[in-house]
C-alpha cells in the first residue's frame, strides 16, 4: 500500500483525499500554518513539514491551486530532504474540470430525455460557468441573477450570524453585465436580472404580489422549526409562476441567497430537472451547506455530492417528466 501525505490542509486538500485510490494510505496532511498544526482534518492529523517527513511518505500531493505556491512548497520539501515524487494538483487540473464535466453530463441527459424548461444561474460573477450553460443549451432561455457588484451587505450580516465569519464586502465585485454578455456564445438567449435576490425577481414581470412572496422567502427565521415549516408550504406564486427550469446553477456563496435560491427554484424545477449547488462542501463558504441542509431536511430531500475541488452537489427533482413537447 502506497503511503502518501497531502500538503495543504484546506478545501483542496480535503477534496484530494476523496480522490485517493483504495490501495493508498494517507499518513497526514501537511501545512505551514502553525495554527492548523496539531489539529485533525478528515480523520487525519495536520502536521508541520518536519514532523510529517518523519513518517516517511513515499509521495506528497500538493493540494494548492497556485502554481508559484506549489513550486515554493516543492523547493521547501527538497531542501528538507524529501526525495520522493511531489504530485502537483495544477497539472491534474489542466487536463480535467470535474464540475464542467458534470454539467456536460447533466445537459446531455436533459436533452436526451427532452425535458422542457429554461436554464438559470444565481451567482454569475464573470460568467465563465454561465457561458458553458449557454453553450450547452443554445435553444433555451438563460436567466442570470446577480448583483454584479459583489456581496450584498444584508447577506454578509446574515452570514456572520449563521457561521461566525464575515466575508469581505468587495469579493466578486469585479464584473459587469456587459462583461458577462460578451462571454456568452448565444447572448440573445440571456435574460439578465441585476439586483439583490430575491427582490430582483420583481423585474421579471413587475408583479407586486410575486415580489412580496419572494421577499418573504428571504426572511430567515431565528427558530429553525419555523423556518423548516414555512419552507414546506412553498408553492410557485405570482404571474411568472409558469416559469419552469430544467437546470439551475446555484453559486451565490452565502447562506441567505443559497436558501432563497432553493426556495425559489426547486418548486419550479420540472420533473427530472436539477440544481447544481456550488460550494456545498466548501471550507471557505460554510453557510452554503447550512442553507442546503436546512432546506433539504424540511423538504425530505437529499443531495448527491460531487468530487470537484469546490464541493458541488446535485439536487434532482424526481417525478414523471412531460416530454411530449
Protein backbone atom coordinates (compact mmCIF):
# COMPACT_ATOMS: atom_id res chain seq x y z
CA UNK A 1 0.00 0.00 0.00
CA UNK A 2 1.42 3.38 -1.03
CA UNK A 3 1.98 5.79 1.87
CA UNK A 4 1.24 9.41 0.95
CA UNK A 5 0.77 12.81 2.53
CA UNK A 6 -1.22 15.80 1.29
CA UNK A 7 0.39 19.23 1.55
CA UNK A 8 -2.38 21.74 2.18
CA UNK A 9 -4.95 21.37 4.97
CA UNK A 10 -7.72 23.31 3.25
CA UNK A 11 -10.56 22.88 0.78
CA UNK A 12 -8.35 21.45 -1.96
CA UNK A 13 -6.66 19.04 0.43
CA UNK A 14 -9.98 17.75 1.73
CA UNK A 15 -11.19 17.04 -1.80
CA UNK A 16 -7.90 15.45 -2.91
CA UNK A 17 -8.34 12.98 -0.04
CA UNK A 18 -11.54 11.72 -1.70
CA UNK A 19 -9.61 11.09 -4.93
CA UNK A 20 -7.09 8.66 -3.42
CA UNK A 21 -7.14 5.07 -4.76
CA UNK A 22 -8.13 2.26 -2.43
CA UNK A 23 -4.56 0.96 -2.22
CA UNK A 24 -3.27 4.27 -0.79
CA UNK A 25 -2.73 5.11 2.90
CA UNK A 26 -2.99 8.78 3.83
CA UNK A 27 -0.49 9.40 6.63
CA UNK A 28 -1.30 13.04 7.32
CA UNK A 29 -1.97 16.49 5.98
CA UNK A 30 0.97 18.89 5.94
CA UNK A 31 0.62 22.63 6.42
CA UNK A 32 2.97 25.52 7.14
CA UNK A 33 0.23 27.29 9.10
CA UNK A 34 1.13 26.71 12.75
CA UNK A 35 -2.48 27.33 13.80
CA UNK A 36 -3.54 24.23 11.85
CA UNK A 37 -0.71 22.01 13.04
CA UNK A 38 -1.85 19.59 15.71
CA UNK A 39 -5.45 19.64 14.53
CA UNK A 40 -7.30 16.78 12.85
CA UNK A 41 -8.90 17.14 9.41
CA UNK A 42 -10.94 14.48 7.65
CA UNK A 43 -9.83 11.99 10.29
CA UNK A 44 -6.11 12.63 9.70
CA UNK A 45 -3.60 14.68 11.69
CA UNK A 46 -2.32 18.01 10.39
CA UNK A 47 1.44 18.21 10.87
CA UNK A 48 4.24 20.61 10.11
CA UNK A 49 6.64 19.59 7.30
CA UNK A 50 9.43 18.40 9.58
CA UNK A 51 7.17 16.18 11.68
CA UNK A 52 5.37 14.85 8.60
CA UNK A 53 8.58 13.79 6.88
CA UNK A 54 9.46 11.63 9.89
CA UNK A 55 6.51 9.44 8.86
CA UNK A 56 8.42 8.72 5.62
CA UNK A 57 5.71 9.25 3.00
CA UNK A 58 6.53 7.79 -0.41
CA UNK A 59 4.71 10.57 -2.24
CA UNK A 60 3.38 14.02 -1.38
CA UNK A 61 0.38 15.52 -3.17
CA UNK A 62 0.50 19.31 -3.44
CA UNK A 63 -3.11 20.42 -2.87
CA UNK A 64 -2.83 24.04 -3.92
CA UNK A 65 -4.12 25.84 -6.99
CA UNK A 66 -1.42 28.49 -7.28
CA UNK A 67 1.48 27.30 -9.42
CA UNK A 68 4.03 29.56 -7.74
CA UNK A 69 2.95 28.39 -4.30
CA UNK A 70 3.24 24.76 -5.38
CA UNK A 71 6.76 25.37 -6.69
CA UNK A 72 7.76 27.05 -3.43
CA UNK A 73 6.47 24.08 -1.44
CA UNK A 74 8.28 21.64 -3.72
CA UNK A 75 11.52 23.54 -3.13
CA UNK A 76 10.86 23.56 0.60
CA UNK A 77 10.36 19.79 0.66
CA UNK A 78 13.52 19.15 -1.36
CA UNK A 79 15.54 21.35 0.98
CA UNK A 80 14.09 19.39 3.90
CA UNK A 81 15.41 16.15 2.40
CA UNK A 82 12.31 14.67 0.74
CA UNK A 83 13.31 12.83 -2.45
CA UNK A 84 10.04 11.18 -3.43
CA UNK A 85 7.55 12.41 -6.05
CA UNK A 86 5.70 15.70 -5.44
CA UNK A 87 2.48 15.48 -7.46
CA UNK A 88 1.27 18.92 -8.49
CA UNK A 89 -2.51 19.36 -8.42
CA UNK A 90 -2.28 22.10 -11.03
CA UNK A 91 -1.02 19.60 -13.60
CA UNK A 92 -4.09 17.45 -12.95
CA UNK A 93 -6.44 20.42 -13.30
CA UNK A 94 -5.04 21.37 -16.70
CA UNK A 95 -6.44 18.19 -18.26
CA UNK A 96 -9.79 17.97 -16.46
CA UNK A 97 -12.61 20.06 -14.96
CA UNK A 98 -14.85 17.86 -12.84
CA UNK A 99 -17.54 20.50 -12.39
CA UNK A 100 -17.73 21.24 -16.10
CA UNK A 101 -17.74 17.53 -16.89
CA UNK A 102 -20.70 17.09 -14.54
CA UNK A 103 -22.53 19.96 -16.26
CA UNK A 104 -21.98 18.39 -19.68
CA UNK A 105 -23.34 15.05 -18.50
CA UNK A 106 -26.39 16.74 -16.95
CA UNK A 107 -27.01 18.67 -20.17
CA UNK A 108 -26.74 15.53 -22.28
CA UNK A 109 -29.30 13.71 -20.18
CA UNK A 110 -31.68 16.67 -20.12
CA UNK A 111 -31.57 16.94 -23.90
CA UNK A 112 -31.80 13.18 -24.48
CA UNK A 113 -34.84 13.00 -22.21
CA UNK A 114 -36.31 16.05 -23.95
CA UNK A 115 -37.04 17.79 -20.66
CA UNK A 116 -38.78 21.17 -21.00
CA UNK A 117 -37.80 24.32 -19.17
CA UNK A 118 -35.35 27.19 -19.09
CA UNK A 119 -31.89 27.22 -17.51
CA UNK A 120 -30.59 29.68 -14.94
CA UNK A 121 -27.70 30.69 -12.71
CA UNK A 122 -27.83 32.53 -9.40
CA UNK A 123 -24.37 33.90 -8.64
CA UNK A 124 -22.89 34.62 -12.06
CA UNK A 125 -19.74 36.61 -11.24
CA UNK A 126 -17.83 36.99 -14.54
CA UNK A 127 -19.91 34.45 -16.44
CA UNK A 128 -17.43 31.62 -17.02
CA UNK A 129 -19.85 28.88 -15.95
CA UNK A 130 -22.84 30.74 -17.40
CA UNK A 131 -21.12 30.70 -20.79
CA UNK A 132 -20.83 26.92 -20.62
CA UNK A 133 -24.51 26.58 -19.70
CA UNK A 134 -25.37 28.84 -22.63
CA UNK A 135 -23.16 26.79 -24.95
CA UNK A 136 -24.78 23.50 -23.91
CA UNK A 137 -28.34 24.84 -24.11
CA UNK A 138 -28.32 27.14 -27.16
CA UNK A 139 -32.10 26.93 -27.68
CA UNK A 140 -33.14 27.64 -24.09
CA UNK A 141 -33.57 30.92 -22.29
CA UNK A 142 -30.80 31.54 -19.77
CA UNK A 143 -31.77 33.55 -16.69
CA UNK A 144 -28.79 35.17 -14.95
CA UNK A 145 -29.28 36.54 -11.43
CA UNK A 146 -26.56 38.56 -9.69
CA UNK A 147 -25.92 41.93 -8.08
CA UNK A 148 -22.95 42.23 -10.48
CA UNK A 149 -21.49 44.34 -7.66
CA UNK A 150 -20.27 41.69 -5.21
CA UNK A 151 -21.83 40.52 -1.96
CA UNK A 152 -24.79 42.46 -0.56
CA UNK A 153 -24.35 43.84 2.99
CA UNK A 154 -27.55 42.15 4.20
CA UNK A 155 -26.25 38.76 3.09
CA UNK A 156 -22.90 39.42 4.76
CA UNK A 157 -24.65 40.28 8.03
CA UNK A 158 -26.65 37.05 7.86
CA UNK A 159 -23.51 35.06 7.00
CA UNK A 160 -21.74 36.37 10.08
CA UNK A 161 -24.78 35.50 12.19
CA UNK A 162 -25.07 31.97 10.79
CA UNK A 163 -21.39 30.98 10.57
CA UNK A 164 -19.48 33.44 12.74
CA UNK A 165 -17.41 34.52 9.73
CA UNK A 166 -17.72 37.89 7.98
CA UNK A 167 -16.77 37.87 4.30
CA UNK A 168 -15.21 40.90 2.55
CA UNK A 169 -17.77 43.28 1.03
CA UNK A 170 -15.95 43.68 -2.30
CA UNK A 171 -15.47 39.98 -3.05
CA UNK A 172 -16.51 39.14 -6.65
CA UNK A 173 -17.28 42.80 -7.41
CA UNK A 174 -15.02 42.98 -10.48
CA UNK A 175 -17.72 42.17 -13.02
CA UNK A 176 -20.44 43.77 -15.12
CA UNK A 177 -23.42 42.67 -17.18
CA UNK A 178 -21.55 43.75 -20.30
CA UNK A 179 -18.53 41.61 -19.42
CA UNK A 180 -20.72 38.53 -18.96
CA UNK A 181 -22.77 39.19 -22.08
CA UNK A 182 -19.61 39.41 -24.19
CA UNK A 183 -18.57 35.97 -22.94
CA UNK A 184 -21.80 34.19 -23.91
CA UNK A 185 -21.83 32.25 -27.20
CA UNK A 186 -25.60 32.83 -27.57
CA UNK A 187 -26.22 36.16 -25.82
CA UNK A 188 -29.64 36.55 -27.44
CA UNK A 189 -30.90 33.79 -25.12
CA UNK A 190 -29.74 35.54 -21.94
CA UNK A 191 -32.05 37.39 -19.57
CA UNK A 192 -30.07 39.43 -17.03
CA UNK A 193 -31.75 40.09 -13.69
CA UNK A 194 -29.47 42.50 -11.84
CA UNK A 195 -30.01 43.24 -8.18
CA UNK A 196 -30.45 41.79 -4.74
CA UNK A 197 -32.01 38.33 -4.90
CA UNK A 198 -34.87 37.56 -4.35
CA UNK A 199 -36.12 41.15 -4.51
CA UNK A 200 -34.73 41.36 -8.05
CA UNK A 201 -37.43 38.90 -9.14
CA UNK A 202 -39.89 41.78 -9.40
CA UNK A 203 -38.14 42.69 -12.65
CA UNK A 204 -39.41 39.55 -14.38
CA UNK A 205 -42.91 40.90 -14.83
CA UNK A 206 -43.21 43.68 -12.31
CA UNK A 207 -45.80 41.72 -10.35
CA UNK A 208 -46.01 43.14 -6.81
CA UNK A 209 -47.70 40.04 -5.44
CA UNK A 210 -44.86 37.86 -6.65
CA UNK A 211 -42.34 40.40 -5.37
CA UNK A 212 -43.87 40.25 -1.90
CA UNK A 213 -43.86 36.44 -1.94
CA UNK A 214 -40.23 36.32 -2.96
CA UNK A 215 -39.27 38.93 -0.39
CA UNK A 216 -40.86 36.81 2.31
CA UNK A 217 -38.79 33.82 1.22
CA UNK A 218 -35.64 35.73 2.15
CA UNK A 219 -36.69 36.34 5.76
CA UNK A 220 -34.70 33.76 7.69
CA UNK A 221 -36.46 32.67 10.87
CA UNK A 222 -34.50 32.59 14.11
CA UNK A 223 -36.39 29.44 15.05
CA UNK A 224 -35.26 26.50 12.90
CA UNK A 225 -38.58 24.68 13.22
CA UNK A 226 -40.44 27.75 11.99
CA UNK A 227 -38.06 28.11 9.06
CA UNK A 228 -38.49 24.48 8.08
CA UNK A 229 -42.27 24.56 8.42
CA UNK A 230 -42.52 27.70 6.31
CA UNK A 231 -40.43 26.17 3.53
CA UNK A 232 -42.72 23.12 3.41
CA UNK A 233 -45.63 25.34 2.48
CA UNK A 234 -43.97 26.97 -0.54
CA UNK A 235 -45.73 26.87 -3.88
CA UNK A 236 -44.96 28.80 -7.06
CA UNK A 237 -46.89 32.07 -6.92
CA UNK A 238 -47.24 35.23 -8.98
CA UNK A 239 -47.71 35.93 -12.67
CA UNK A 240 -44.41 34.29 -13.63
CA UNK A 241 -45.31 31.09 -11.77
CA UNK A 242 -45.42 29.31 -15.13
CA UNK A 243 -41.63 29.65 -15.41
CA UNK A 244 -40.07 26.19 -15.20
CA UNK A 245 -36.42 25.19 -15.15
CA UNK A 246 -34.56 22.12 -16.39
CA UNK A 247 -31.23 23.11 -14.86
CA UNK A 248 -30.12 25.74 -12.37
CA UNK A 249 -26.60 26.59 -11.24
CA UNK A 250 -26.74 27.86 -7.66
CA UNK A 251 -23.50 29.68 -6.82
CA UNK A 252 -24.16 32.69 -4.55
CA UNK A 253 -21.56 31.55 -1.96
CA UNK A 254 -23.51 32.68 1.12
CA UNK A 255 -26.20 31.24 3.40
CA UNK A 256 -29.07 33.67 2.76
CA UNK A 257 -29.08 33.76 -1.07
CA UNK A 258 -28.50 29.99 -1.20
CA UNK A 259 -31.59 29.37 0.92
CA UNK A 260 -33.61 31.91 -1.07
CA UNK A 261 -32.43 30.31 -4.33
CA UNK A 262 -33.55 26.86 -3.25
CA UNK A 263 -36.89 28.23 -2.08
CA UNK A 264 -37.48 29.88 -5.44
CA UNK A 265 -36.00 27.42 -7.93
CA UNK A 266 -36.71 23.96 -6.53
CA UNK A 267 -40.53 24.28 -6.73
CA UNK A 268 -40.08 25.47 -10.33
CA UNK A 269 -37.94 22.55 -11.49
CA UNK A 270 -39.57 20.24 -14.00
CA UNK A 271 -39.52 16.53 -13.04
CA UNK A 272 -36.01 15.40 -13.91
CA UNK A 273 -34.70 18.94 -13.51
CA UNK A 274 -31.73 19.53 -11.27
CA UNK A 275 -29.89 22.21 -9.31
CA UNK A 276 -26.08 22.21 -9.30
CA UNK A 277 -25.10 23.66 -5.93
CA UNK A 278 -21.57 25.03 -5.86
CA UNK A 279 -19.51 25.12 -2.62
CA UNK A 280 -21.71 22.57 -0.82
CA UNK A 281 -18.72 21.03 0.96
CA UNK A 282 -16.55 24.16 0.82
CA UNK A 283 -14.41 25.02 3.84
CA UNK A 284 -14.48 28.65 2.72
CA UNK A 285 -18.25 29.13 2.38
CA UNK A 286 -19.76 27.09 5.20
CA UNK A 287 -23.10 28.90 5.01
CA UNK A 288 -23.92 27.14 1.74
CA UNK A 289 -24.09 23.68 3.29
CA UNK A 290 -26.02 25.01 6.26
CA UNK A 291 -28.68 26.51 3.99
CA UNK A 292 -28.89 23.41 1.77
CA UNK A 293 -29.15 21.02 4.70
CA UNK A 294 -31.84 23.15 6.33
CA UNK A 295 -33.92 23.25 3.15
CA UNK A 296 -33.46 19.57 2.33
CA UNK A 297 -34.40 18.44 5.84
CA UNK A 298 -37.59 20.46 5.64
CA UNK A 299 -38.49 19.06 2.22
CA UNK A 300 -37.32 15.48 2.78
CA UNK A 301 -34.72 15.83 0.03
CA UNK A 302 -31.17 14.56 -0.41
CA UNK A 303 -28.25 15.89 -2.44
CA UNK A 304 -25.56 13.98 -4.29
CA UNK A 305 -22.07 15.43 -3.59
CA UNK A 306 -19.60 15.50 -6.49
CA UNK A 307 -15.81 15.27 -6.42
CA UNK A 308 -14.84 18.69 -7.79
CA UNK A 309 -12.50 20.85 -5.74
CA UNK A 310 -15.16 23.28 -4.56
CA UNK A 311 -17.62 20.63 -3.46
CA UNK A 312 -20.55 20.79 -5.86
CA UNK A 313 -23.71 18.84 -5.06
CA UNK A 314 -26.67 17.94 -7.27
CA UNK A 315 -30.31 18.21 -6.20
CA UNK A 316 -32.54 16.23 -8.58
CA UNK A 317 -36.32 16.60 -8.74
CA UNK A 318 -37.99 13.24 -9.15
CA UNK A 319 -41.32 12.68 -10.87
CA UNK A 320 -42.84 11.82 -14.21
CA UNK A 321 -41.49 14.20 -16.82
CA UNK A 322 -43.66 15.65 -19.57
CA UNK A 323 -41.50 15.06 -22.65
CA UNK A 324 -44.29 15.43 -25.21
CA UNK A 325 -43.28 18.90 -26.39
